[in-house]
Amino acid sequence: MATNYTGLLQCIHDVQLYCAVKTGGQLSLDIFQTIAQGKIPGIVFEKVRFNELANDFLADYRVNEKKSLVRAERSVDHLKT
């Protein structure tokens, strides 16, 4: 009897991808242990200041050469005031 491991392999791949994104590219043993215990790994949120978000937002528009960069800059300036 042949066993189909496709679903299991996809699940492992998804977990590895999630762990890689969560830990900045390094897979964390703690996350795998949490999953092995049948628990869902928690999401840790870091505090971010508005200026950091705004700068990243505008940098993304500049790098991707968005046509609406001027409007985005205007919107950020409006939100800062």
Protein backbone atom coordinates (compact mmCIF):
# COMPACT_ATOMS: atom_id res chain seq x y z
CA MET A 1 0.00 0.00 0.00
CA ALA A 2 1.50 3.34 -1.10
CA THR A 3 1.33 6.26 1.27
CA ASN A 4 0.73 9.75 -0.06
CA TYR A 5 3.00 12.21 1.75
CA THR A 6 2.20 15.20 -0.49
CA GLY A 7 -0.04 16.89 2.08
CA LEU A 8 2.45 16.31 4.88
CA LEU A 9 5.35 17.63 2.81
CA GLN A 10 3.34 20.73 1.89
CA CYS A 11 2.54 21.29 5.55
CA ILE A 12 6.22 20.99 6.51
CA HIS A 13 7.16 23.38 3.71
CA ASP A 14 4.54 25.91 4.90
CA VAL A 15 5.83 25.70 8.47
CA GLN A 16 9.42 26.19 7.31
CA LEU A 17 8.40 29.18 5.20
CA TYR A 18 6.45 30.68 8.13
CA CYS A 19 9.41 30.17 10.46
CA ALA A 20 11.85 31.65 7.97
CA VAL A 21 9.72 34.77 7.57
CA LYS A 22 9.12 35.12 11.31
CA THR A 23 12.75 34.76 12.29
CA GLY A 24 14.29 36.77 9.45
CA GLY A 25 15.52 33.77 7.49
CA GLN A 26 16.73 31.61 10.35
CA LEU A 27 14.56 28.72 11.41
CA SER A 28 14.01 28.72 15.13
CA LEU A 29 14.11 25.44 17.04
CA ASP A 30 11.64 26.89 19.54
CA ILE A 31 9.05 27.33 16.81
CA PHE A 32 9.44 23.72 15.65
CA GLN A 33 9.14 22.50 19.24
CA THR A 34 5.98 24.54 19.72
CA ILE A 35 4.48 23.04 16.57
CA ALA A 36 5.56 19.55 17.62
CA GLN A 37 3.61 20.02 20.85
CA GLY A 38 0.50 20.76 18.79
CA LYS A 39 0.46 24.44 19.62
CA ILE A 40 0.30 27.34 17.19
CA PRO A 41 3.39 29.58 17.34
CA GLY A 42 2.53 33.05 18.60
CA ILE A 43 3.09 36.19 16.65
CA VAL A 44 5.27 38.78 18.31
CA PHE A 45 4.57 42.37 17.36
CA GLU A 46 7.21 45.02 17.71
CA LYS A 47 6.40 48.65 18.35
CA VAL A 48 7.05 50.83 15.33
CA ARG A 49 6.98 54.60 15.18
CA PHE A 50 4.95 56.40 12.53
CA ASN A 51 8.03 58.02 10.99
CA GLU A 52 9.61 54.59 10.47
CA LEU A 53 6.49 53.33 8.70
CA ALA A 54 6.19 56.48 6.62
CA ASN A 55 9.85 56.34 5.57
CA ASP A 56 9.56 52.66 4.59
CA PHE A 57 6.33 53.38 2.72
CA LEU A 58 7.90 56.22 0.72
CA ALA A 59 11.11 54.25 0.13
CA ASP A 60 9.03 51.44 -1.37
CA TYR A 61 7.30 53.93 -3.69
CA ARG A 62 10.69 55.33 -4.76
CA VAL A 63 12.31 51.94 -5.35
CA ASN A 64 9.34 50.71 -7.38
CA GLU A 65 9.10 54.05 -9.23
CA LYS A 66 5.38 54.40 -8.55
CA LYS A 67 3.63 57.13 -10.49
CA SER A 68 1.74 58.20 -7.39
CA LEU A 69 4.86 59.02 -5.35
CA VAL A 70 3.96 62.72 -5.18
CA ARG A 71 0.50 61.89 -3.86
CA ALA A 72 1.96 59.46 -1.32
CA GLU A 73 4.39 62.13 -0.08
CA ARG A 74 1.51 64.59 0.22
CA SER A 75 -0.54 62.04 2.16
CA VAL A 76 2.31 61.32 4.57
CA ASP A 77 2.84 65.04 5.13
CA HIS A 78 -0.88 65.46 5.83
CA LEU A 79 -0.81 62.63 8.37
CA LYS A 80 2.25 64.07 10.12
CA THR A 81 0.46 67.37 10.81
